[in-house]
Protein backbone atom coordinates (compact mmCIF):
# COMPACT_ATOMS: atom_id res chain seq x y z
CA MET A 1 -23.98 24.68 -40.98
CA GLN A 2 -25.62 21.40 -41.89
CA LYS A 3 -29.42 21.14 -41.70
CA LYS A 4 -30.63 19.29 -38.58
CA LEU A 5 -32.97 16.83 -40.31
CA PHE A 6 -33.36 13.07 -40.08
CA GLU A 7 -33.40 10.41 -42.78
CA PHE A 8 -35.45 7.24 -42.42
CA GLY A 9 -32.45 5.25 -43.61
CA ASP A 10 -30.55 6.34 -40.47
CA LEU A 11 -33.16 5.27 -37.93
CA PHE A 12 -32.86 1.94 -36.12
CA TRP A 13 -36.61 1.68 -35.46
CA VAL A 14 -37.48 1.79 -39.15
CA PRO A 15 -38.47 -1.75 -40.26
CA GLU A 16 -35.80 -3.98 -41.75
CA PHE A 17 -37.57 -4.27 -45.11
CA TYR A 18 -37.12 -0.55 -45.77
CA HIS A 19 -33.38 -0.62 -45.04
CA ALA A 20 -32.97 -3.69 -47.27
CA PHE A 21 -35.02 -2.19 -50.11
CA LEU A 22 -33.23 1.17 -49.88
CA ARG A 23 -29.83 -0.51 -50.19
CA ARG A 24 -30.92 -2.76 -53.06
CA PHE A 25 -32.54 0.20 -54.80
CA MET A 26 -29.36 2.28 -54.53
CA GLY A 27 -27.35 -0.61 -55.95
CA ALA A 28 -29.76 -0.90 -58.88
CA LEU A 29 -29.45 2.82 -59.63
CA TYR A 30 -25.67 2.52 -59.88
CA LYS A 31 -25.99 -0.38 -62.31
CA ILE A 32 -28.62 1.36 -64.48
CA PHE A 33 -27.20 4.87 -64.63
CA GLY A 34 -23.53 4.07 -64.04
CA TYR A 35 -22.82 7.32 -62.25
CA HIS A 36 -20.37 5.58 -59.95
CA LYS A 37 -17.97 5.56 -62.92
CA LEU A 38 -17.81 9.36 -62.76
CA TRP A 39 -15.89 9.00 -59.47
CA LEU A 40 -13.20 6.74 -60.91
CA PRO A 41 -10.54 9.38 -61.74
CA GLU A 42 -10.59 10.74 -58.19
CA LEU A 43 -10.90 7.29 -56.61
CA ASN A 44 -7.98 5.87 -58.59
CA ALA A 45 -5.79 8.81 -57.60
CA PHE A 46 -6.87 8.50 -53.96
CA VAL A 47 -6.18 4.76 -53.77
CA GLU A 48 -2.80 5.17 -55.44
CA LYS A 49 -1.83 7.88 -52.95
CA SER A 50 -3.07 5.75 -50.04
CA GLY A 51 -0.83 2.84 -50.94
CA GLY A 52 -3.74 0.66 -52.02
CA LYS A 53 -5.58 0.09 -48.73
CA VAL A 54 -8.72 2.00 -47.72
CA LEU A 55 -11.67 1.58 -45.38
CA ASP A 56 -15.29 2.39 -46.24
CA PRO A 57 -16.87 2.55 -42.77
CA CYS A 58 -20.40 3.31 -44.06
CA ALA A 59 -20.57 0.79 -46.89
CA GLY A 60 -24.24 -0.20 -46.63
CA SER A 61 -24.85 -3.05 -49.06
CA GLY A 62 -21.33 -2.69 -50.44
CA TYR A 63 -22.71 -2.92 -53.99
CA VAL A 64 -21.16 0.33 -55.16
CA ASP A 65 -17.77 -0.64 -53.70
CA ALA A 66 -17.92 -3.91 -55.63
CA LEU A 67 -18.89 -2.07 -58.82
CA LEU A 68 -16.03 0.38 -58.40
CA ILE A 69 -13.54 -2.40 -57.71
CA LYS A 70 -14.59 -4.12 -60.96
CA GLU A 71 -13.84 -0.92 -62.89
CA MET A 72 -10.42 -0.39 -61.31
CA GLN A 73 -7.38 -1.80 -63.05
CA GLN A 74 -5.11 -1.99 -60.00
CA ARG A 75 -4.63 -5.46 -58.58
CA ASP A 76 -2.64 -4.59 -55.46
CA ILE A 77 -5.49 -2.81 -53.65
CA LYS A 78 -7.70 -3.68 -50.70
CA PHE A 79 -11.09 -2.26 -49.81
CA TYR A 80 -12.30 -3.01 -46.28
CA LEU A 81 -16.02 -2.42 -45.75
CA SER A 82 -18.00 -1.86 -42.57
CA ASP A 83 -21.41 -0.48 -41.59
CA PHE A 84 -23.09 0.24 -38.28
CA MET A 85 -26.39 -1.32 -39.46
CA ILE A 86 -25.02 -4.41 -41.20
CA HIS A 87 -26.50 -6.63 -38.49
CA LYS A 88 -29.94 -5.78 -39.91
CA ASN A 89 -29.05 -7.22 -43.32
CA PRO A 90 -26.05 -9.56 -42.93
CA GLU A 91 -26.81 -11.04 -46.36
CA PHE A 92 -25.11 -8.01 -47.92
CA ARG A 93 -21.85 -8.79 -46.09
CA GLU A 94 -22.14 -12.45 -47.07
CA HIS A 95 -22.69 -11.47 -50.71
CA ILE A 96 -19.60 -9.26 -50.86
CA ASN A 97 -17.39 -11.87 -49.20
CA SER A 98 -18.67 -14.57 -51.55
CA LEU A 99 -17.57 -12.68 -54.67
CA GLY A 100 -14.15 -14.25 -54.51
CA ASP A 101 -12.36 -10.97 -55.19
CA PRO A 102 -9.40 -10.63 -52.80
CA ARG A 103 -9.44 -6.86 -53.32
CA ILE A 104 -12.63 -6.38 -51.28
CA HIS A 105 -13.67 -7.69 -47.86
CA TYR A 106 -16.65 -6.88 -45.63
CA LEU A 107 -15.64 -6.89 -41.96
CA GLU A 108 -17.69 -8.78 -39.39
CA GLN A 109 -17.57 -5.90 -36.92
CA SER A 110 -18.78 -2.35 -37.30
CA ILE A 111 -16.12 0.36 -37.15
CA ASP A 112 -17.11 3.51 -35.25
CA VAL A 113 -15.47 6.33 -37.22
CA LEU A 114 -16.12 8.74 -34.35
CA MET A 115 -13.68 6.86 -32.11
CA ASP A 116 -10.00 6.12 -32.53
CA ASN A 117 -9.44 2.66 -33.97
CA PRO A 118 -5.68 1.94 -33.95
CA ASP A 119 -6.17 -1.29 -35.92
CA PHE A 120 -8.00 0.56 -38.68
CA ARG A 121 -5.86 3.65 -39.17
CA CYS A 122 -5.86 4.02 -42.92
CA PRO A 123 -7.38 6.40 -45.49
CA LYS A 124 -11.19 6.45 -45.47
CA ILE A 125 -13.76 6.71 -48.22
CA PHE A 126 -17.38 7.73 -47.67
CA ILE A 127 -19.74 6.91 -50.53
CA ASN A 128 -23.04 8.77 -50.26
CA ALA A 129 -22.59 8.73 -46.50
CA PHE A 130 -20.70 11.83 -45.34
CA HIS A 131 -23.83 14.00 -45.35
CA HIS A 132 -25.23 11.77 -42.59
CA PHE A 133 -22.71 13.28 -40.15
CA ASP A 134 -23.24 16.69 -38.58
CA ASP A 135 -20.56 19.41 -38.41
CA GLU A 136 -19.16 18.28 -35.06
CA GLN A 137 -18.95 14.66 -36.20
CA VAL A 138 -17.20 15.66 -39.43
CA ALA A 139 -14.69 17.65 -37.37
CA GLN A 140 -14.10 14.60 -35.18
CA ILE A 141 -13.57 12.37 -38.23
CA CYS A 142 -11.03 14.88 -39.55
CA LYS A 143 -9.18 14.99 -36.24
CA LEU A 144 -8.98 11.20 -35.97
CA ASN A 145 -7.70 10.77 -39.52
CA LEU A 146 -5.83 13.86 -40.66
CA SER A 147 -3.72 13.90 -37.50
CA HIS A 148 -2.40 10.45 -38.48
CA GLY A 149 -1.76 11.52 -42.06
CA ASP A 150 -4.78 9.64 -43.43
CA ASP A 151 -6.66 11.35 -46.25
CA ILE A 152 -10.45 11.25 -46.56
CA LEU A 153 -12.38 10.88 -49.82
CA VAL A 154 -16.03 11.98 -49.83
CA LEU A 155 -18.10 10.80 -52.80
CA GLU A 156 -21.68 12.08 -53.12
CA TYR A 157 -24.29 11.71 -55.84
CA CYS A 158 -26.61 14.20 -54.14
CA ASP A 159 -26.19 17.96 -54.00
CA ASN A 160 -28.00 21.02 -52.68
CA ALA A 161 -28.88 22.17 -56.20
CA PHE A 162 -32.08 22.44 -58.24
CA VAL A 163 -31.17 19.67 -60.72
CA SER A 164 -30.50 17.27 -57.85
CA TYR A 165 -33.90 17.95 -56.30
CA LEU A 166 -35.48 17.42 -59.70
CA SER A 167 -33.72 14.08 -60.12
CA MET A 168 -34.95 12.94 -56.68
CA LEU A 169 -38.55 13.34 -57.86
CA PHE A 170 -38.04 10.41 -60.22
CA GLY A 171 -36.69 8.17 -57.45
CA PRO A 172 -40.04 6.87 -56.10
CA LEU A 173 -41.32 6.14 -59.62
CA ILE A 174 -38.18 4.19 -60.55
CA ALA A 175 -38.39 2.34 -57.22
CA MET A 176 -41.96 1.24 -57.96
CA ILE A 177 -40.88 -0.09 -61.35
CA LEU A 178 -37.82 -1.93 -60.04
CA LEU A 179 -39.34 -3.34 -56.84
CA PRO A 180 -40.34 -6.81 -58.19
CA PHE A 181 -36.88 -7.30 -59.69
CA ILE A 182 -34.67 -6.25 -56.77
CA THR A 183 -36.57 -7.21 -53.61
CA GLU A 184 -35.66 -10.40 -51.78
CA ARG A 185 -38.49 -12.94 -51.93
CA ARG A 186 -39.05 -13.10 -48.18
CA GLN A 187 -39.62 -9.32 -48.07
CA LEU A 188 -41.46 -8.93 -51.37
CA LEU A 189 -45.02 -9.01 -50.02
CA ILE A 190 -44.60 -6.49 -47.21
CA THR A 191 -42.49 -4.18 -49.36
CA ALA A 192 -45.08 -4.30 -52.15
CA VAL A 193 -47.94 -3.58 -49.73
CA PHE A 194 -46.23 -0.46 -48.38
CA THR A 195 -45.19 0.65 -51.86
CA TYR A 196 -48.25 0.08 -54.04
CA LEU A 197 -51.28 -0.28 -51.74
CA ILE A 198 -50.13 2.03 -48.94
CA PRO A 199 -47.43 4.18 -50.61
CA ILE A 200 -45.34 4.83 -47.53
CA VAL A 201 -42.06 3.61 -49.03
CA PRO A 202 -42.16 6.07 -51.99
CA VAL A 203 -42.80 8.95 -49.58
CA MET A 204 -39.91 7.83 -47.36
CA LEU A 205 -37.60 7.56 -50.37
CA LEU A 206 -38.56 11.03 -51.55
CA TRP A 207 -38.02 12.47 -48.08
CA ASP A 208 -34.63 10.79 -47.70
CA GLY A 209 -33.57 12.03 -51.14
CA PHE A 210 -34.54 15.64 -50.47
CA VAL A 211 -32.96 15.62 -47.01
CA SER A 212 -29.75 14.13 -48.42
CA ASN A 213 -29.55 17.06 -50.84
CA LEU A 214 -30.12 19.56 -48.04
CA ARG A 215 -27.44 17.98 -45.84
CA CYS A 216 -24.69 17.68 -48.45
CA TYR A 217 -21.49 19.55 -47.71
CA SER A 218 -20.14 22.09 -50.15
CA HIS A 219 -16.46 22.72 -50.78
CA ARG A 220 -16.71 25.92 -48.75
CA SER A 221 -18.43 24.30 -45.77
CA LEU A 222 -15.91 21.45 -45.64
CA LYS A 223 -13.00 23.89 -45.81
CA HIS A 224 -14.54 25.79 -42.90
CA ILE A 225 -14.97 22.65 -40.77
CA VAL A 226 -11.48 21.35 -41.53
CA TYR A 227 -9.96 24.76 -40.69
CA ASN A 228 -11.87 25.02 -37.40
CA ALA A 229 -10.84 21.47 -36.51
CA GLY A 230 -7.25 22.73 -36.37
CA PHE A 231 -6.01 21.79 -39.83
CA SER A 232 -5.42 25.14 -41.45
CA SER A 233 -2.85 23.68 -43.86
CA ALA A 234 -5.04 20.77 -44.96
CA GLU A 235 -6.38 20.94 -48.49
CA VAL A 236 -9.86 20.14 -49.80
CA LYS A 237 -9.92 19.26 -53.49
CA THR A 238 -13.41 19.23 -54.97
CA THR A 239 -14.44 17.84 -58.36
CA PHE A 240 -17.87 17.80 -60.01
CA ARG A 241 -18.74 15.55 -62.94
CA ARG A 242 -21.98 14.80 -64.80
CA SER A 243 -23.17 12.57 -67.62
CA TRP A 244 -26.13 12.58 -69.99
CA LEU A 245 -27.63 9.68 -68.03
CA TYR A 246 -27.21 11.56 -64.75
CA PRO A 247 -27.21 15.31 -65.48
CA ALA A 248 -27.52 16.12 -61.76
CA GLY A 249 -23.89 15.05 -61.49
CA VAL A 250 -21.69 13.67 -58.72
CA THR A 251 -19.18 15.33 -56.41
CA SER A 252 -15.92 14.20 -54.88
CA HIS A 253 -14.14 15.95 -52.01
CA HIS A 254 -10.58 14.82 -51.31
CA ILE A 255 -9.57 16.05 -47.86
CA VAL A 256 -5.78 15.92 -47.93
CA ALA A 257 -3.89 15.52 -44.66
CA PRO A 258 -1.61 18.48 -43.92
CA PRO A 259 2.07 18.22 -44.81
CA GLY A 260 4.10 16.76 -41.97
CA ALA A 261 1.21 14.81 -40.44
CA LYS A 262 2.39 11.47 -39.04
CA LYS A 263 1.45 8.67 -41.40
CA SER A 264 -0.37 5.69 -39.90
CA ASN A 265 1.51 2.43 -39.60
CA ASP A 266 0.61 -0.17 -42.19
CA SER A 267 -2.09 -2.21 -40.43
CA ASP A 268 -2.80 -4.69 -43.21
CA ASP A 269 -1.90 -7.65 -41.05
CA GLU A 270 -3.90 -6.32 -38.13
CA VAL A 271 -7.04 -5.82 -40.19
């Protein structure tokens, strides 16, 4: 069972500057350490199986999606992005849609993955986001997708393991170094004050990192949830990869819809 803990990055009342800095910081980590590339074998296979169209409903800044798209060789693919907090930082959506890459598009509206969305029935990817959902919500996501034959790909850079907790300890220090280079000018002063003078932001980052590790789903726990959701024949394929730049490693869980599940209609025109 997942730990019942909160993350500051999930809370609406947390000031906008923290959400913006957290998303920019995560994007910078991908660029520096390149651990998003460790997901490419599983992501390429997933996209090929999906027919080329996927939805990331918890895309955040969308930076990692854009980085992954750049690494992928396929041209006939389409990533649709959405996020329930994008209204706090619409500049991220504007940035993604200004890239000029027809393979990626950030939707204006937020897609609630806990409700049936007939216009957005397609395979889903969750990048460092699935651990934000509790067991009941994960079961609901499985029911809404697997029953329509839509696979789910869960990509996580955090893990409930000692090395992952150790790596999180470096997060606040790296954030303090990168802050002047990644923070938007209009938020630089307030972010700097609550990072250097009153170090609330580093504490919040450390808390969110540790809680993310605690809340991550293992292969066994996902299998249990999927089975109890009524999909005993569904398969969960788990892969773990690490690099010398990121020894804590990354995980991918491919939740495969059971054989015989009704495939969703192609909704490319509807989206």
